C-alpha atoms as a PDB file:
ATOM      1  CA  UNK A   1       6.062  -2.455  19.877  1.00  0.00           C
ATOM      2  CA  UNK A   2       9.278  -0.666  18.979  1.00  0.00           C
ATOM      3  CA  UNK A   3      12.207  -1.604  21.217  1.00  0.00           C
ATOM      4  CA  UNK A   4      14.618   1.108  22.236  1.00  0.00           C
ATOM      5  CA  UNK A   5      18.176   1.518  21.142  1.00  0.00           C
ATOM      6  CA  UNK A   6      19.235   2.279  24.710  1.00  0.00           C
ATOM      7  CA  UNK A   7      21.508  -0.284  26.390  1.00  0.00           C
ATOM      8  CA  UNK A   8      20.075  -2.229  29.316  1.00  0.00           C
ATOM      9  CA  UNK A   9      22.092  -0.232  31.834  1.00  0.00           C
ATOM     10  CA  UNK A  10      20.315   2.912  30.654  1.00  0.00           C
ATOM     11  CA  UNK A  11      16.947   1.231  30.169  1.00  0.00           C
ATOM     12  CA  UNK A  12      16.942   0.292  33.833  1.00  0.00           C
ATOM     13  CA  UNK A  13      16.970   4.000  34.653  1.00  0.00           C
ATOM     14  CA  UNK A  14      14.027   4.817  32.397  1.00  0.00           C
ATOM     15  CA  UNK A  15      10.894   4.036  34.386  1.00  0.00           C
ATOM     16  CA  UNK A  16       8.090   3.951  31.830  1.00  0.00           C
ATOM     17  CA  UNK A  17       5.272   4.036  34.366  1.00  0.00           C
ATOM     18  CA  UNK A  18       4.923   7.107  36.555  1.00  0.00           C
ATOM     19  CA  UNK A  19       2.649  10.034  37.263  1.00  0.00           C
ATOM     20  CA  UNK A  20       0.126  10.813  34.556  1.00  0.00           C
ATOM     21  CA  UNK A  21       1.542  14.277  34.021  1.00  0.00           C
ATOM     22  CA  UNK A  22       5.247  14.846  33.392  1.00  0.00           C
ATOM     23  CA  UNK A  23       7.057  18.105  33.822  1.00  0.00           C
ATOM     24  CA  UNK A  24       7.149  19.866  30.472  1.00  0.00           C
ATOM     25  CA  UNK A  25      10.406  19.293  28.538  1.00  0.00           C
ATOM     26  CA  UNK A  26      12.455  22.504  28.427  1.00  0.00           C
ATOM     27  CA  UNK A  27      12.471  22.832  24.604  1.00  0.00           C
ATOM     28  CA  UNK A  28       9.667  22.679  22.023  1.00  0.00           C
ATOM     29  CA  UNK A  29       9.784  20.162  19.182  1.00  0.00           C
ATOM     30  CA  UNK A  30      10.026  20.853  15.468  1.00  0.00           C
ATOM     31  CA  UNK A  31       8.322  18.467  13.037  1.00  0.00           C
ATOM     32  CA  UNK A  32      11.000  15.750  12.578  1.00  0.00           C
ATOM     33  CA  UNK A  33      10.134  14.930   8.936  1.00  0.00           C
ATOM     34  CA  UNK A  34      10.620  17.171   5.886  1.00  0.00           C
ATOM     35  CA  UNK A  35       6.997  17.036   4.721  1.00  0.00           C
ATOM     36  CA  UNK A  36       3.619  18.749   4.960  1.00  0.00           C
ATOM     37  CA  UNK A  37       1.345  17.067   7.499  1.00  0.00           C
ATOM     38  CA  UNK A  38      -1.901  15.836   5.895  1.00  0.00           C
ATOM     39  CA  UNK A  39      -0.518  16.699   2.447  1.00  0.00           C
ATOM     40  CA  UNK A  40       2.363  14.297   1.816  1.00  0.00           C
ATOM     41  CA  UNK A  41       2.782  12.732   5.266  1.00  0.00           C
ATOM     42  CA  UNK A  42       0.337  11.711   7.968  1.00  0.00           C
ATOM     43  CA  UNK A  43       0.271  10.647  11.621  1.00  0.00           C
ATOM     44  CA  UNK A  44      -0.363   6.905  11.427  1.00  0.00           C
ATOM     45  CA  UNK A  45      -0.326   6.072  15.160  1.00  0.00           C
ATOM     46  CA  UNK A  46      -0.241   8.068  18.383  1.00  0.00           C
ATOM     47  CA  UNK A  47       1.142   7.148  21.822  1.00  0.00           C
ATOM     48  CA  UNK A  48      -0.873   4.497  23.681  1.00  0.00           C
ATOM     49  CA  UNK A  49      -2.166   6.267  26.784  1.00  0.00           C
ATOM     50  CA  UNK A  50      -3.875   3.112  28.149  1.00  0.00           C
ATOM     51  CA  UNK A  51      -0.985   0.667  27.839  1.00  0.00           C
ATOM     52  CA  UNK A  52      -1.935  -1.145  31.050  1.00  0.00           C
ATOM     53  CA  UNK A  53      -5.367  -2.128  29.683  1.00  0.00           C
ATOM     54  CA  UNK A  54      -6.489  -4.500  26.916  1.00  0.00           C
ATOM     55  CA  UNK A  55      -7.735  -1.630  24.738  1.00  0.00           C
ATOM     56  CA  UNK A  56      -5.231   0.824  23.275  1.00  0.00           C
ATOM     57  CA  UNK A  57      -6.203   4.503  23.332  1.00  0.00           C
ATOM     58  CA  UNK A  58      -4.583   7.665  22.017  1.00  0.00           C
ATOM     59  CA  UNK A  59      -4.609  10.798  24.169  1.00  0.00           C
ATOM     60  CA  UNK A  60      -8.186  11.680  23.110  1.00  0.00           C
ATOM     61  CA  UNK A  61      -9.348   8.133  24.039  1.00  0.00           C
ATOM     62  CA  UNK A  62      -9.632   7.368  20.326  1.00  0.00           C
ATOM     63  CA  UNK A  63      -8.318   4.149  18.829  1.00  0.00           C
ATOM     64  CA  UNK A  64      -5.381   5.524  16.818  1.00  0.00           C
ATOM     65  CA  UNK A  65      -2.707   3.565  18.654  1.00  0.00           C
ATOM     66  CA  UNK A  66      -1.773  -0.015  19.500  1.00  0.00           C
ATOM     67  CA  UNK A  67      -0.687  -1.897  22.615  1.00  0.00           C
ATOM     68  CA  UNK A  68       2.126  -0.127  24.500  1.00  0.00           C
ATOM     69  CA  UNK A  69       3.007   2.091  21.530  1.00  0.00           C
ATOM     70  CA  UNK A  70       5.347   4.711  22.961  1.00  0.00           C
ATOM     71  CA  UNK A  71       5.839   7.144  20.101  1.00  0.00           C
ATOM     72  CA  UNK A  72       4.285   9.078  17.232  1.00  0.00           C
ATOM     73  CA  UNK A  73       4.365   7.361  13.815  1.00  0.00           C
ATOM     74  CA  UNK A  74       4.623   9.795  10.898  1.00  0.00           C
ATOM     75  CA  UNK A  75       4.017   7.934   7.625  1.00  0.00           C
ATOM     76  CA  UNK A  76       4.798   8.820   4.023  1.00  0.00           C
ATOM     77  CA  UNK A  77       2.461   7.742   1.223  1.00  0.00           C
ATOM     78  CA  UNK A  78       4.276   4.735  -0.243  1.00  0.00           C
ATOM     79  CA  UNK A  79       7.535   3.132  -1.305  1.00  0.00           C
ATOM     80  CA  UNK A  80       7.673   5.531  -4.253  1.00  0.00           C
ATOM     81  CA  UNK A  81       8.352   8.394  -1.835  1.00  0.00           C
ATOM     82  CA  UNK A  82      10.713   6.161   0.142  1.00  0.00           C
ATOM     83  CA  UNK A  83      12.799   5.582  -2.990  1.00  0.00           C
ATOM     84  CA  UNK A  84      12.939   9.316  -3.730  1.00  0.00           C
ATOM     85  CA  UNK A  85      13.965   9.985  -0.133  1.00  0.00           C
ATOM     86  CA  UNK A  86      12.180  11.914   2.624  1.00  0.00           C
ATOM     87  CA  UNK A  87      14.470  13.601   5.148  1.00  0.00           C
ATOM     88  CA  UNK A  88      14.306  13.085   8.902  1.00  0.00           C
ATOM     89  CA  UNK A  89      15.340  16.140  10.927  1.00  0.00           C
ATOM     90  CA  UNK A  90      16.428  16.704  14.512  1.00  0.00           C
ATOM     91  CA  UNK A  91      13.390  17.981  16.413  1.00  0.00           C
ATOM     92  CA  UNK A  92      15.699  19.793  18.864  1.00  0.00           C
ATOM     93  CA  UNK A  93      19.419  20.505  18.960  1.00  0.00           C
ATOM     94  CA  UNK A  94      21.715  18.342  21.040  1.00  0.00           C
ATOM     95  CA  UNK A  95      24.324  15.587  20.895  1.00  0.00           C
ATOM     96  CA  UNK A  96      23.904  12.139  19.313  1.00  0.00           C
ATOM     97  CA  UNK A  97      23.715   9.725  22.249  1.00  0.00           C
ATOM     98  CA  UNK A  98      23.377   6.552  20.206  1.00  0.00           C
ATOM     99  CA  UNK A  99      23.078   5.563  16.523  1.00  0.00           C
ATOM    100  CA  UNK A 100      22.644   2.274  14.680  1.00  0.00           C
ATOM    101  CA  UNK A 101      22.695   1.454  10.962  1.00  0.00           C
ATOM    102  CA  UNK A 102      22.952  -1.709   8.861  1.00  0.00           C
ATOM    103  CA  UNK A 103      19.389  -3.029   9.217  1.00  0.00           C
ATOM    104  CA  UNK A 104      17.689  -3.682   5.861  1.00  0.00           C
ATOM    105  CA  UNK A 105      14.642  -1.853   4.535  1.00  0.00           C
ATOM    106  CA  UNK A 106      12.089  -4.481   3.520  1.00  0.00           C
ATOM    107  CA  UNK A 107       8.563  -5.769   3.984  1.00  0.00           C
ATOM    108  CA  UNK A 108       8.851  -8.767   6.287  1.00  0.00           C
ATOM    109  CA  UNK A 109       6.745 -11.803   7.132  1.00  0.00           C
ATOM    110  CA  UNK A 110       5.692 -12.657  10.686  1.00  0.00           C
ATOM    111  CA  UNK A 111       8.609 -15.030  11.242  1.00  0.00           C
ATOM    112  CA  UNK A 112      11.128 -12.358  10.361  1.00  0.00           C
ATOM    113  CA  UNK A 113       9.290  -9.782  12.508  1.00  0.00           C
ATOM    114  CA  UNK A 114       9.492 -12.167  15.478  1.00  0.00           C
ATOM    115  CA  UNK A 115      13.202 -12.721  14.909  1.00  0.00           C
ATOM    116  CA  UNK A 116      13.863  -8.977  14.826  1.00  0.00           C
ATOM    117  CA  UNK A 117      11.963  -8.535  18.088  1.00  0.00           C
ATOM    118  CA  UNK A 118      13.954 -11.334  19.720  1.00  0.00           C
ATOM    119  CA  UNK A 119      17.156  -9.611  18.659  1.00  0.00           C
ATOM    120  CA  UNK A 120      15.820  -6.383  20.203  1.00  0.00           C
ATOM    121  CA  UNK A 121      16.173  -4.528  16.910  1.00  0.00           C
ATOM    122  CA  UNK A 122      12.534  -3.509  16.476  1.00  0.00           C
ATOM    123  CA  UNK A 123      13.583   0.107  16.021  1.00  0.00           C
ATOM    124  CA  UNK A 124      15.704  -0.876  13.022  1.00  0.00           C
ATOM    125  CA  UNK A 125      18.154   1.835  12.055  1.00  0.00           C
ATOM    126  CA  UNK A 126      17.831   4.549  14.670  1.00  0.00           C
ATOM    127  CA  UNK A 127      19.211   7.613  16.394  1.00  0.00           C
ATOM    128  CA  UNK A 128      18.835   8.957  19.934  1.00  0.00           C
ATOM    129  CA  UNK A 129      19.673  12.615  20.580  1.00  0.00           C
ATOM    130  CA  UNK A 130      20.411  13.923  24.079  1.00  0.00           C
ATOM    131  CA  UNK A 131      19.163  17.493  24.581  1.00  0.00           C
ATOM    132  CA  UNK A 132      20.295  17.845  28.176  1.00  0.00           C
ATOM    133  CA  UNK A 133      18.305  18.181  31.399  1.00  0.00           C
ATOM    134  CA  UNK A 134      17.046  14.590  31.104  1.00  0.00           C
ATOM    135  CA  UNK A 135      15.443  15.211  27.693  1.00  0.00           C
ATOM    136  CA  UNK A 136      16.017  12.816  24.747  1.00  0.00           C
ATOM    137  CA  UNK A 137      14.351  12.151  21.394  1.00  0.00           C
ATOM    138  CA  UNK A 138      14.472   8.873  19.438  1.00  0.00           C
ATOM    139  CA  UNK A 139      14.102   8.288  15.675  1.00  0.00           C
ATOM    140  CA  UNK A 140      13.333   4.734  14.439  1.00  0.00           C
ATOM    141  CA  UNK A 141      12.897   2.750  11.162  1.00  0.00           C
ATOM    142  CA  UNK A 142      15.397   4.964   9.352  1.00  0.00           C
ATOM    143  CA  UNK A 143      16.494   4.199   5.803  1.00  0.00           C
ATOM    144  CA  UNK A 144      19.609   2.064   5.670  1.00  0.00           C
ATOM    145  CA  UNK A 145      22.598   4.058   4.422  1.00  0.00           C
ATOM    146  CA  UNK A 146      20.910   7.413   5.065  1.00  0.00           C
ATOM    147  CA  UNK A 147      22.301   8.308   8.517  1.00  0.00           C
ATOM    148  CA  UNK A 148      24.173  11.600   8.437  1.00  0.00           C
ATOM    149  CA  UNK A 149      25.401  11.584  12.047  1.00  0.00           C
ATOM    150  CA  UNK A 150      27.160   9.293  14.488  1.00  0.00           C
ATOM    151  CA  UNK A 151      27.538   8.994  18.251  1.00  0.00           C
ATOM    152  CA  UNK A 152      28.960  12.159  19.805  1.00  0.00           C
ATOM    153  CA  UNK A 153      28.073  14.501  16.919  1.00  0.00           C
ATOM    154  CA  UNK A 154      26.522  17.848  17.747  1.00  0.00           C
ATOM    155  CA  UNK A 155      23.303  18.540  15.804  1.00  0.00           C
ATOM    156  CA  UNK A 156      21.164  21.648  15.504  1.00  0.00           C
ATOM    157  CA  UNK A 157      17.369  21.825  15.456  1.00  0.00           C
ATOM    158  CA  UNK A 158      16.066  21.117  11.949  1.00  0.00           C
ATOM    159  CA  UNK A 159      19.290  19.505  10.752  1.00  0.00           C
ATOM    160  CA  UNK A 160      18.954  16.496   8.425  1.00  0.00           C
ATOM    161  CA  UNK A 161      20.034  13.379  10.306  1.00  0.00           C
ATOM    162  CA  UNK A 162      18.671  10.560   8.074  1.00  0.00           C
ATOM    163  CA  UNK A 163      15.709   9.605   5.853  1.00  0.00           C
ATOM    164  CA  UNK A 164      12.414   7.824   6.452  1.00  0.00           C
ATOM    165  CA  UNK A 165      12.802   4.069   6.017  1.00  0.00           C
ATOM    166  CA  UNK A 166      11.324   0.616   6.510  1.00  0.00           C
ATOM    167  CA  UNK A 167      13.889  -1.001   8.796  1.00  0.00           C
ATOM    168  CA  UNK A 168      13.118  -3.002  11.921  1.00  0.00           C
ATOM    169  CA  UNK A 169       9.544  -3.965  12.809  1.00  0.00           C
ATOM    170  CA  UNK A 170       7.699  -1.796  10.291  1.00  0.00           C
ATOM    171  CA  UNK A 171       4.828  -2.546   7.891  1.00  0.00           C
ATOM    172  CA  UNK A 172       4.771   0.834   6.131  1.00  0.00           C
ATOM    173  CA  UNK A 173       7.504   3.432   5.463  1.00  0.00           C
ATOM    174  CA  UNK A 174       7.381   5.835   8.394  1.00  0.00           C
ATOM    175  CA  UNK A 175       9.291   7.503  11.212  1.00  0.00           C
ATOM    176  CA  UNK A 176       8.626   6.320  14.769  1.00  0.00           C
ATOM    177  CA  UNK A 177       9.420   9.348  16.946  1.00  0.00           C
ATOM    178  CA  UNK A 178       9.656   9.101  20.745  1.00  0.00           C
ATOM    179  CA  UNK A 179      10.193  11.674  23.484  1.00  0.00           C
ATOM    180  CA  UNK A 180      11.854  10.743  26.782  1.00  0.00           C
ATOM    181  CA  UNK A 181      11.926  13.216  29.668  1.00  0.00           C
ATOM    182  CA  UNK A 182      12.895  12.760  33.283  1.00  0.00           C
ATOM    183  CA  UNK A 183      13.043   8.982  32.784  1.00  0.00           C
ATOM    184  CA  UNK A 184       9.547   8.667  31.265  1.00  0.00           C
ATOM    185  CA  UNK A 185       8.118   8.261  27.758  1.00  0.00           C
ATOM    186  CA  UNK A 186       6.104  11.379  26.919  1.00  0.00           C
ATOM    187  CA  UNK A 187       3.184  11.992  24.562  1.00  0.00           C
ATOM    188  CA  UNK A 188       4.305  15.129  22.658  1.00  0.00           C
ATOM    189  CA  UNK A 189       0.704  16.210  22.050  1.00  0.00           C
ATOM    190  CA  UNK A 190      -0.084  16.594  25.765  1.00  0.00           C
ATOM    191  CA  UNK A 191       3.062  16.296  27.859  1.00  0.00           C
ATOM    192  CA  UNK A 192       1.483  13.301  29.617  1.00  0.00           C
ATOM    193  CA  UNK A 193       3.268  10.034  30.370  1.00  0.00           C
ATOM    194  CA  UNK A 194       2.808   7.022  28.077  1.00  0.00           C
ATOM    195  CA  UNK A 195       0.208   4.765  29.708  1.00  0.00           C
ATOM    196  CA  UNK A 196      -0.923   7.387  32.203  1.00  0.00           C
ATOM    197  CA  UNK A 197      -4.498   7.568  30.890  1.00  0.00           C
ATOM    198  CA  UNK A 198      -6.406   9.347  28.114  1.00  0.00           C
ATOM    199  CA  UNK A 199      -8.549  12.502  28.158  1.00  0.00           C
ATOM    200  CA  UNK A 200      -6.560  13.833  31.104  1.00  0.00           C
ATOM    201  CA  UNK A 201      -5.727  17.385  32.009  1.00  0.00           C
ATOM    202  CA  UNK A 202      -2.541  18.133  30.144  1.00  0.00           C
ATOM    203  CA  UNK A 203       0.266  20.576  29.655  1.00  0.00           C
ATOM    204  CA  UNK A 204       0.418  22.467  26.382  1.00  0.00           C
ATOM    205  CA  UNK A 205       1.557  20.413  23.415  1.00  0.00           C
ATOM    206  CA  UNK A 206       5.313  19.950  23.312  1.00  0.00           C
ATOM    207  CA  UNK A 207       5.192  20.560  19.535  1.00  0.00           C
ATOM    208  CA  UNK A 208       6.182  23.992  18.287  1.00  0.00           C
ATOM    209  CA  UNK A 209       4.884  23.065  14.810  1.00  0.00           C
ATOM    210  CA  UNK A 210       1.265  24.342  14.612  1.00  0.00           C
ATOM    211  CA  UNK A 211       0.297  21.671  12.052  1.00  0.00           C
ATOM    212  CA  UNK A 212       0.801  18.901  14.616  1.00  0.00           C
ATOM    213  CA  UNK A 213      -2.829  18.642  15.670  1.00  0.00           C
ATOM    214  CA  UNK A 214      -4.835  15.505  16.392  1.00  0.00           C
ATOM    215  CA  UNK A 215      -6.452  13.967  13.313  1.00  0.00           C
ATOM    216  CA  UNK A 216      -9.171  11.340  13.957  1.00  0.00           C
ATOM    217  CA  UNK A 217      -8.463   9.660  10.595  1.00  0.00           C
ATOM    218  CA  UNK A 218      -6.436  10.375   7.466  1.00  0.00           C
ATOM    219  CA  UNK A 219      -7.637   9.694   3.918  1.00  0.00           C
ATOM    220  CA  UNK A 220      -4.249   9.731   2.232  1.00  0.00           C
ATOM    221  CA  UNK A 221      -4.161   7.884  -1.098  1.00  0.00           C
ATOM    222  CA  UNK A 222      -6.182   6.531  -4.003  1.00  0.00           C
ATOM    223  CA  UNK A 223      -5.945   5.773  -7.678  1.00  0.00           C
ATOM    224  CA  UNK A 224      -7.225   4.054 -10.814  1.00  0.00           C
ATOM    225  CA  UNK A 225      -6.146   0.561 -11.811  1.00  0.00           C
ATOM    226  CA  UNK A 226      -6.933  -1.916 -14.595  1.00  0.00           C
ATOM    227  CA  UNK A 227      -7.169  -4.978 -12.330  1.00  0.00           C
ATOM    228  CA  UNK A 228      -8.516  -5.835  -8.897  1.00  0.00           C
ATOM    229  CA  UNK A 229      -6.187  -4.049  -6.461  1.00  0.00           C
ATOM    230  CA  UNK A 230      -3.523  -6.003  -4.633  1.00  0.00           C
ATOM    231  CA  UNK A 231      -3.232  -3.874  -1.529  1.00  0.00           C
ATOM    232  CA  UNK A 232      -0.039  -5.539  -0.373  1.00  0.00           C
ATOM    233  CA  UNK A 233       1.588  -4.498  -3.634  1.00  0.00           C
ATOM    234  CA  UNK A 234       0.046  -1.026  -3.439  1.00  0.00           C
ATOM    235  CA  UNK A 235       1.553  -0.522   0.019  1.00  0.00           C
ATOM    236  CA  UNK A 236       4.902  -1.470  -1.532  1.00  0.00           C
ATOM    237  CA  UNK A 237       4.538   1.215  -4.187  1.00  0.00           C
ATOM    238  CA  UNK A 238       3.304  -1.024  -7.045  1.00  0.00           C
ATOM    239  CA  UNK A 239       0.074   0.715  -8.022  1.00  0.00           C
ATOM    240  CA  UNK A 240      -0.857  -1.523 -10.947  1.00  0.00           C
ATOM    241  CA  UNK A 241      -1.494  -0.837 -14.627  1.00  0.00           C
ATOM    242  CA  UNK A 242      -3.427   2.316 -15.439  1.00  0.00           C
ATOM    243  CA  UNK A 243      -6.709   1.652 -17.324  1.00  0.00           C
ATOM    244  CA  UNK A 244      -6.702   2.062 -21.116  1.00  0.00           C
ATOM    245  CA  UNK A 245      -9.428   1.941 -23.784  1.00  0.00           C
ATOM    246  CA  UNK A 246      -9.271  -1.872 -24.059  1.00  0.00           C
ATOM    247  CA  UNK A 247      -8.761  -2.720 -20.334  1.00  0.00           C
ATOM    248  CA  UNK A 248     -11.145  -5.402 -19.043  1.00  0.00           C
ATOM    249  CA  UNK A 249     -12.085  -3.406 -15.941  1.00  0.00           C
ATOM    250  CA  UNK A 250     -11.827   0.133 -14.609  1.00  0.00           C
ATOM    251  CA  UNK A 251     -11.349   0.353 -10.850  1.00  0.00           C
ATOM    252  CA  UNK A 252     -10.810   3.153  -8.362  1.00  0.00           C
ATOM    253  CA  UNK A 253      -9.420   2.483  -4.862  1.00  0.00           C
ATOM    254  CA  UNK A 254      -8.791   4.565  -1.746  1.00  0.00           C
ATOM    255  CA  UNK A 255      -7.070   4.042   1.603  1.00  0.00           C
ATOM    256  CA  UNK A 256      -7.133   5.752   4.985  1.00  0.00           C
ATOM    257  CA  UNK A 257      -5.413   5.552   8.361  1.00  0.00           C
ATOM    258  CA  UNK A 258      -7.424   5.230  11.568  1.00  0.00           C
ATOM    259  CA  UNK A 259     -10.543   3.316  10.482  1.00  0.00           C
ATOM    260  CA  UNK A 260     -13.205   3.113  13.199  1.00  0.00           C
ATOM    261  CA  UNK A 261     -16.582   1.326  13.437  1.00  0.00           C
ATOM    262  CA  UNK A 262     -19.472   3.398  12.064  1.00  0.00           C
ATOM    263  CA  UNK A 263     -17.285   5.371   9.636  1.00  0.00           C
ATOM    264  CA  UNK A 264     -19.282   5.979   6.446  1.00  0.00           C
ATOM    265  CA  UNK A 265     -17.326   5.322   3.248  1.00  0.00           C
ATOM    266  CA  UNK A 266     -18.696   6.499  -0.115  1.00  0.00           C
ATOM    267  CA  UNK A 267     -16.802   5.852  -3.345  1.00  0.00           C
ATOM    268  CA  UNK A 268     -17.776   6.399  -6.994  1.00  0.00           C
ATOM    269  CA  UNK A 269     -16.563   6.751 -10.570  1.00  0.00           C
ATOM    270  CA  UNK A 270     -18.094   9.257 -13.019  1.00  0.00           C
ATOM    271  CA  UNK A 271     -17.752   8.752 -16.785  1.00  0.00           C
ATOM    272  CA  UNK A 272     -16.788  11.527 -19.282  1.00  0.00           C
ATOM    273  CA  UNK A 273     -20.480  12.399 -19.814  1.00  0.00           C
ATOM    274  CA  UNK A 274     -21.067  12.941 -16.092  1.00  0.00           C
ATOM    275  CA  UNK A 275     -22.940   9.682 -15.499  1.00  0.00           C
ATOM    276  CA  UNK A 276     -22.262   7.431 -12.506  1.00  0.00           C
ATOM    277  CA  UNK A 277     -20.271   4.487 -13.804  1.00  0.00           C
ATOM    278  CA  UNK A 278     -19.885   2.704 -10.451  1.00  0.00           C
ATOM    279  CA  UNK A 279     -20.626   3.554  -6.827  1.00  0.00           C
ATOM    280  CA  UNK A 280     -20.443   1.986  -3.405  1.00  0.00           C
ATOM    281  CA  UNK A 281     -21.524   3.044   0.093  1.00  0.00           C
ATOM    282  CA  UNK A 282     -20.751   1.098   3.260  1.00  0.00           C
ATOM    283  CA  UNK A 283     -20.094   1.368   6.978  1.00  0.00           C
ATOM    284  CA  UNK A 284     -16.796   0.358   8.565  1.00  0.00           C
ATOM    285  CA  UNK A 285     -17.348  -2.495  11.033  1.00  0.00           C
ATOM    286  CA  UNK A 286     -14.067  -2.682  12.996  1.00  0.00           C
ATOM    287  CA  UNK A 287     -10.990  -0.752  14.084  1.00  0.00           C
ATOM    288  CA  UNK A 288      -8.124  -0.958  11.650  1.00  0.00           C
ATOM    289  CA  UNK A 289      -4.906   1.035  11.405  1.00  0.00           C
ATOM    290  CA  UNK A 290      -5.077   1.121   7.575  1.00  0.00           C
ATOM    291  CA  UNK A 291      -8.195   0.351   5.533  1.00  0.00           C
ATOM    292  CA  UNK A 292      -8.613  -0.013   1.732  1.00  0.00           C
ATOM    293  CA  UNK A 293     -11.782   0.061  -0.372  1.00  0.00           C
ATOM    294  CA  UNK A 294     -12.456   0.011  -4.111  1.00  0.00           C
ATOM    295  CA  UNK A 295     -15.230   0.160  -6.688  1.00  0.00           C
ATOM    296  CA  UNK A 296     -15.181  -0.795 -10.367  1.00  0.00           C
ATOM    297  CA  UNK A 297     -16.942  -1.733 -13.576  1.00  0.00           C
ATOM    298  CA  UNK A 298     -16.334  -4.236 -16.361  1.00  0.00           C
ATOM    299  CA  UNK A 299     -15.519  -3.003 -19.870  1.00  0.00           C
ATOM    300  CA  UNK A 300     -18.590  -2.250 -22.007  1.00  0.00           C
ATOM    301  CA  UNK A 301     -18.911  -3.507 -25.564  1.00  0.00           C
ATOM    302  CA  UNK A 302     -16.653  -1.475 -27.821  1.00  0.00           C
ATOM    303  CA  UNK A 303     -14.296  -0.496 -25.013  1.00  0.00           C
ATOM    304  CA  UNK A 304     -14.175   2.498 -22.722  1.00  0.00           C
ATOM    305  CA  UNK A 305     -15.452   5.876 -23.813  1.00  0.00           C
ATOM    306  CA  UNK A 306     -12.693   8.360 -24.554  1.00  0.00           C
ATOM    307  CA  UNK A 307     -12.404  11.309 -22.206  1.00  0.00           C
ATOM    308  CA  UNK A 308     -11.830  12.161 -18.545  1.00  0.00           C
ATOM    309  CA  UNK A 309     -13.107   9.834 -15.828  1.00  0.00           C
ATOM    310  CA  UNK A 310     -13.436  11.266 -12.329  1.00  0.00           C
ATOM    311  CA  UNK A 311     -13.520   9.367  -9.057  1.00  0.00           C
ATOM    312  CA  UNK A 312     -14.036  10.239  -5.411  1.00  0.00           C
ATOM    313  CA  UNK A 313     -13.783   8.534  -2.057  1.00  0.00           C
ATOM    314  CA  UNK A 314     -15.319  10.228   0.979  1.00  0.00           C
ATOM    315  CA  UNK A 315     -14.980   9.160   4.617  1.00  0.00           C
ATOM    316  CA  UNK A 316     -17.376  10.645   7.184  1.00  0.00           C
ATOM    317  CA  UNK A 317     -17.233  10.390  10.951  1.00  0.00           C
ATOM    318  CA  UNK A 318     -19.804  12.718  12.458  1.00  0.00           C
ATOM    319  CA  UNK A 319     -18.776  16.243  11.525  1.00  0.00           C
ATOM    320  CA  UNK A 320     -15.343  15.073  10.342  1.00  0.00           C
ATOM    321  CA  UNK A 321     -15.390  14.531   6.579  1.00  0.00           C
ATOM    322  CA  UNK A 322     -12.444  13.950   4.262  1.00  0.00           C
ATOM    323  CA  UNK A 323     -12.603  13.625   0.486  1.00  0.00           C
ATOM    324  CA  UNK A 324     -10.046  12.486  -2.072  1.00  0.00           C
ATOM    325  CA  UNK A 325     -10.615  12.984  -5.811  1.00  0.00           C
ATOM    326  CA  UNK A 326      -8.707  11.713  -8.838  1.00  0.00           C
ATOM    327  CA  UNK A 327      -9.052  12.007 -12.611  1.00  0.00           C
ATOM    328  CA  UNK A 328      -8.059   9.666 -15.443  1.00  0.00           C
ATOM    329  CA  UNK A 329      -7.827  10.436 -19.160  1.00  0.00           C
ATOM    330  CA  UNK A 330      -8.536   7.623 -21.625  1.00  0.00           C
ATOM    331  CA  UNK A 331      -7.685   8.292 -25.287  1.00  0.00           C
END
């Protein structure tokens, strides 16, 4: 759970629990990341609307959240995009209430995660903007050295304030974005209070960006590799060696956010002649925030056929179907 940047004297004034429905914040929110939703960034986790129960639920009662999560996580694809830099923008104009920098961007083991939590720096590098009338927004896990503003600065809506990072308690490069209004943490998709319950009557979405719609799952990346995938390395931007004519194996992998039991996953590779080289079909058996799968084939005698290999991973959940396709040329 991300810890806030607010000092204890202010935290004592912010009562997280309250009525299920908050008064609508006076200003609509722009998308706080310079990206295209479901194209080069994706919602990874939503606000936990059942934080007082053992099972975490997003506002639709789906499982795309975790215990007491009080914000919206907007993820970029990998560390490759992190290195290039993805801007974080002010969702609304206002004044910088608090800012912190100096926390490193790194993948961390459990011991280091626990230490960061104990130091109450789970947010990592972060910014809080005060928009007036009891309305604040918070931006967490920012890239170290990227902050463009400091306490007291005036910012306009859409202004670059930092970049997406991996600081604090974070397992994937993303922005954790929170909305605070009238002393309560607010789900920006409904206007309801964090922990107030799911599938409730709600205000209109606080988002002004029409692309900010609920997505039950997000199939966001995949690729070819010449060895069995190391998904820890892939998440860190190391995608492995691309297959060549003499590679021992040819493998295709895919990954999606929001895995749920009974999801159907189909994945295959087609050779240059249009024949199925490898295929796999399976059913997801548990909830998981991020799920990887792969399929592959050993090198035939004489090496791989020259030409274009095509691969596809498809995830189906009832009427919701997402497909990701890739191609590889071997010469």
